[in-house]
Amino acid sequence: MAATNVEKIKDAELRETMATAHKALKEGDYLGVVRRSGDVYLELLERKPELLAEGGIPAMMRIRMFPRLGARLEREGEEAPTLVWDRETFGFSEAVTYFEFAVDQLVGEGL
């Protein structure tokens, strides 16, 4: 198994979820990868509400920087963001984009 940054995720539950996503990526379950990556990013935002509490441009960037390749985040006012599905078929490059984004965000935020 090729090395990924998954091992750098400190939280055991999140690390396991992303390890499962990595396995799904290798098995061609690209929808599973996108689902897990989206769920993990939403979990990050829930665990660190200060990332959205600033409001304005910093909070908007947390939503907008999530990949928009068939699944995207939306937020109404001060509500928690939700994952919106534009489609449920994904290719490898799209799935790996969501995967790497989620892992990078978790590691970057110290989770």
C-alpha atoms as a PDB file:
ATOM      1  CA  MET A   1       0.000   0.000   0.000  1.00  0.00           C
ATOM      2  CA  ALA A   2       1.383   3.361  -1.030  1.00  0.00           C
ATOM      3  CA  ALA A   3       2.015   5.834   1.752  1.00  0.00           C
ATOM      4  CA  THR A   4      -0.564   8.584   2.194  1.00  0.00           C
ATOM      5  CA  ASN A   5      -0.982  11.352   4.708  1.00  0.00           C
ATOM      6  CA  VAL A   6      -3.785   9.333   6.321  1.00  0.00           C
ATOM      7  CA  GLU A   7      -1.279   8.144   8.927  1.00  0.00           C
ATOM      8  CA  LYS A   8      -0.795  11.781   9.985  1.00  0.00           C
ATOM      9  CA  ILE A   9      -4.444  12.111  11.049  1.00  0.00           C
ATOM     10  CA  LYS A  10      -4.383  12.124  14.861  1.00  0.00           C
ATOM     11  CA  ASP A  11      -8.027  11.272  15.592  1.00  0.00           C
ATOM     12  CA  ALA A  12      -8.444   7.482  15.394  1.00  0.00           C
ATOM     13  CA  GLU A  13     -12.045   7.577  14.147  1.00  0.00           C
ATOM     14  CA  LEU A  14     -11.301  10.077  11.393  1.00  0.00           C
ATOM     15  CA  ARG A  15      -8.111   8.239  10.457  1.00  0.00           C
ATOM     16  CA  GLU A  16     -10.054   4.969  10.140  1.00  0.00           C
ATOM     17  CA  THR A  17     -12.713   6.626   7.989  1.00  0.00           C
ATOM     18  CA  MET A  18     -10.104   8.020   5.640  1.00  0.00           C
ATOM     19  CA  ALA A  19      -8.226   4.692   5.578  1.00  0.00           C
ATOM     20  CA  THR A  20     -11.514   3.111   4.496  1.00  0.00           C
ATOM     21  CA  ALA A  21     -11.893   5.834   1.854  1.00  0.00           C
ATOM     22  CA  HIS A  22      -8.363   5.082   0.621  1.00  0.00           C
ATOM     23  CA  LYS A  23      -9.259   1.399   0.340  1.00  0.00           C
ATOM     24  CA  ALA A  24     -12.439   2.328  -1.558  1.00  0.00           C
ATOM     25  CA  LEU A  25     -10.338   4.447  -3.917  1.00  0.00           C
ATOM     26  CA  LYS A  26      -8.100   1.490  -4.680  1.00  0.00           C
ATOM     27  CA  GLU A  27     -11.166  -0.714  -5.226  1.00  0.00           C
ATOM     28  CA  GLY A  28     -12.842   1.740  -7.606  1.00  0.00           C
ATOM     29  CA  ASP A  29     -15.675   2.759  -5.254  1.00  0.00           C
ATOM     30  CA  TYR A  30     -15.364   6.426  -6.130  1.00  0.00           C
ATOM     31  CA  LEU A  31     -18.785   7.409  -4.809  1.00  0.00           C
ATOM     32  CA  GLY A  32     -17.808   5.870  -1.450  1.00  0.00           C
ATOM     33  CA  VAL A  33     -14.635   7.950  -1.429  1.00  0.00           C
ATOM     34  CA  VAL A  34     -16.526  11.171  -2.108  1.00  0.00           C
ATOM     35  CA  ARG A  35     -19.167  10.343   0.534  1.00  0.00           C
ATOM     36  CA  ARG A  36     -16.583   9.592   3.221  1.00  0.00           C
ATOM     37  CA  SER A  37     -14.459  12.620   2.337  1.00  0.00           C
ATOM     38  CA  GLY A  38     -17.480  14.918   2.466  1.00  0.00           C
ATOM     39  CA  ASP A  39     -18.672  13.441   5.761  1.00  0.00           C
ATOM     40  CA  VAL A  40     -15.227  13.851   7.297  1.00  0.00           C
ATOM     41  CA  TYR A  41     -14.990  17.482   6.217  1.00  0.00           C
ATOM     42  CA  LEU A  42     -18.417  18.181   7.706  1.00  0.00           C
ATOM     43  CA  GLU A  43     -17.226  16.472  10.903  1.00  0.00           C
ATOM     44  CA  LEU A  44     -14.159  18.738  10.947  1.00  0.00           C
ATOM     45  CA  LEU A  45     -16.368  21.818  10.668  1.00  0.00           C
ATOM     46  CA  GLU A  46     -18.617  20.499  13.432  1.00  0.00           C
ATOM     47  CA  ARG A  47     -15.709  19.770  15.762  1.00  0.00           C
ATOM     48  CA  LYS A  48     -14.063  23.127  15.082  1.00  0.00           C
ATOM     49  CA  PRO A  49     -16.955  25.575  14.900  1.00  0.00           C
ATOM     50  CA  GLU A  50     -14.526  28.463  15.158  1.00  0.00           C
ATOM     51  CA  LEU A  51     -13.625  27.802  11.507  1.00  0.00           C
ATOM     52  CA  LEU A  52     -17.071  29.068  10.523  1.00  0.00           C
ATOM     53  CA  ALA A  53     -17.725  31.376  13.487  1.00  0.00           C
ATOM     54  CA  GLU A  54     -15.640  34.181  12.030  1.00  0.00           C
ATOM     55  CA  GLY A  55     -18.309  34.739   9.401  1.00  0.00           C
ATOM     56  CA  GLY A  56     -17.666  36.768   6.291  1.00  0.00           C
ATOM     57  CA  ILE A  57     -15.004  35.790   3.798  1.00  0.00           C
ATOM     58  CA  PRO A  58     -13.032  33.324   6.003  1.00  0.00           C
ATOM     59  CA  ALA A  59     -16.150  31.253   6.707  1.00  0.00           C
ATOM     60  CA  MET A  60     -17.300  31.480   3.098  1.00  0.00           C
ATOM     61  CA  MET A  61     -13.894  30.248   1.924  1.00  0.00           C
ATOM     62  CA  ARG A  62     -14.233  27.147   4.141  1.00  0.00           C
ATOM     63  CA  ILE A  63     -17.377  26.305   2.177  1.00  0.00           C
ATOM     64  CA  ARG A  64     -16.183  27.415  -1.259  1.00  0.00           C
ATOM     65  CA  MET A  65     -12.812  25.670  -1.163  1.00  0.00           C
ATOM     66  CA  PHE A  66     -14.533  22.277  -0.851  1.00  0.00           C
ATOM     67  CA  PRO A  67     -14.250  20.633  -4.288  1.00  0.00           C
ATOM     68  CA  ARG A  68     -17.234  21.161  -6.578  1.00  0.00           C
ATOM     69  CA  LEU A  69     -16.969  18.179  -8.860  1.00  0.00           C
ATOM     70  CA  GLY A  70     -20.449  16.741  -8.412  1.00  0.00           C
ATOM     71  CA  ALA A  71     -20.868  17.202  -4.668  1.00  0.00           C
ATOM     72  CA  ARG A  72     -20.632  20.592  -2.978  1.00  0.00           C
ATOM     73  CA  LEU A  73     -21.194  22.275   0.350  1.00  0.00           C
ATOM     74  CA  GLU A  74     -23.910  24.824   0.905  1.00  0.00           C
ATOM     75  CA  ARG A  75     -24.713  26.905   3.937  1.00  0.00           C
ATOM     76  CA  GLU A  76     -27.811  28.959   4.656  1.00  0.00           C
ATOM     77  CA  GLY A  77     -27.094  31.819   7.037  1.00  0.00           C
ATOM     78  CA  GLU A  78     -25.580  30.508  10.257  1.00  0.00           C
ATOM     79  CA  GLU A  79     -26.851  26.948   9.727  1.00  0.00           C
ATOM     80  CA  ALA A  80     -24.396  24.060   9.597  1.00  0.00           C
ATOM     81  CA  PRO A  81     -23.187  23.344   6.060  1.00  0.00           C
ATOM     82  CA  THR A  82     -24.730  20.458   4.162  1.00  0.00           C
ATOM     83  CA  LEU A  83     -23.464  18.280   1.356  1.00  0.00           C
ATOM     84  CA  VAL A  84     -25.452  18.729  -1.858  1.00  0.00           C
ATOM     85  CA  TRP A  85     -25.218  16.075  -4.550  1.00  0.00           C
ATOM     86  CA  ASP A  86     -25.352  17.152  -8.188  1.00  0.00           C
ATOM     87  CA  ARG A  87     -24.639  13.598  -9.304  1.00  0.00           C
ATOM     88  CA  GLU A  88     -23.595  10.246  -7.867  1.00  0.00           C
ATOM     89  CA  THR A  89     -21.122   9.005 -10.444  1.00  0.00           C
ATOM     90  CA  PHE A  90     -17.476   9.950 -10.053  1.00  0.00           C
ATOM     91  CA  GLY A  91     -14.213   9.083 -11.734  1.00  0.00           C
ATOM     92  CA  PHE A  92     -10.849   8.381 -10.147  1.00  0.00           C
ATOM     93  CA  SER A  93      -9.484  11.912 -10.532  1.00  0.00           C
ATOM     94  CA  GLU A  94     -12.572  13.433  -8.928  1.00  0.00           C
ATOM     95  CA  ALA A  95     -12.557  10.970  -6.049  1.00  0.00           C
ATOM     96  CA  VAL A  96      -8.864  11.485  -5.355  1.00  0.00           C
ATOM     97  CA  THR A  97      -9.411  15.258  -5.331  1.00  0.00           C
ATOM     98  CA  TYR A  98     -12.048  14.946  -2.587  1.00  0.00           C
ATOM     99  CA  PHE A  99      -9.897  12.422  -0.704  1.00  0.00           C
ATOM    100  CA  GLU A 100      -6.743  14.547  -0.732  1.00  0.00           C
ATOM    101  CA  PHE A 101      -8.701  17.663   0.206  1.00  0.00           C
ATOM    102  CA  ALA A 102     -10.236  15.977   3.249  1.00  0.00           C
ATOM    103  CA  VAL A 103      -6.952  14.471   4.427  1.00  0.00           C
ATOM    104  CA  ASP A 104      -5.092  17.765   3.965  1.00  0.00           C
ATOM    105  CA  GLN A 105      -7.743  19.673   5.913  1.00  0.00           C
ATOM    106  CA  LEU A 106      -7.723  17.183   8.805  1.00  0.00           C
ATOM    107  CA  VAL A 107      -3.938  17.184   9.051  1.00  0.00           C
ATOM    108  CA  GLY A 108      -3.787  20.967   8.673  1.00  0.00           C
ATOM    109  CA  GLU A 109      -6.260  21.457  11.525  1.00  0.00           C
ATOM    110  CA  GLY A 110      -4.422  19.064  13.817  1.00  0.00           C
ATOM    111  CA  LEU A 111      -7.074  16.384  13.873  1.00  0.00           C
END
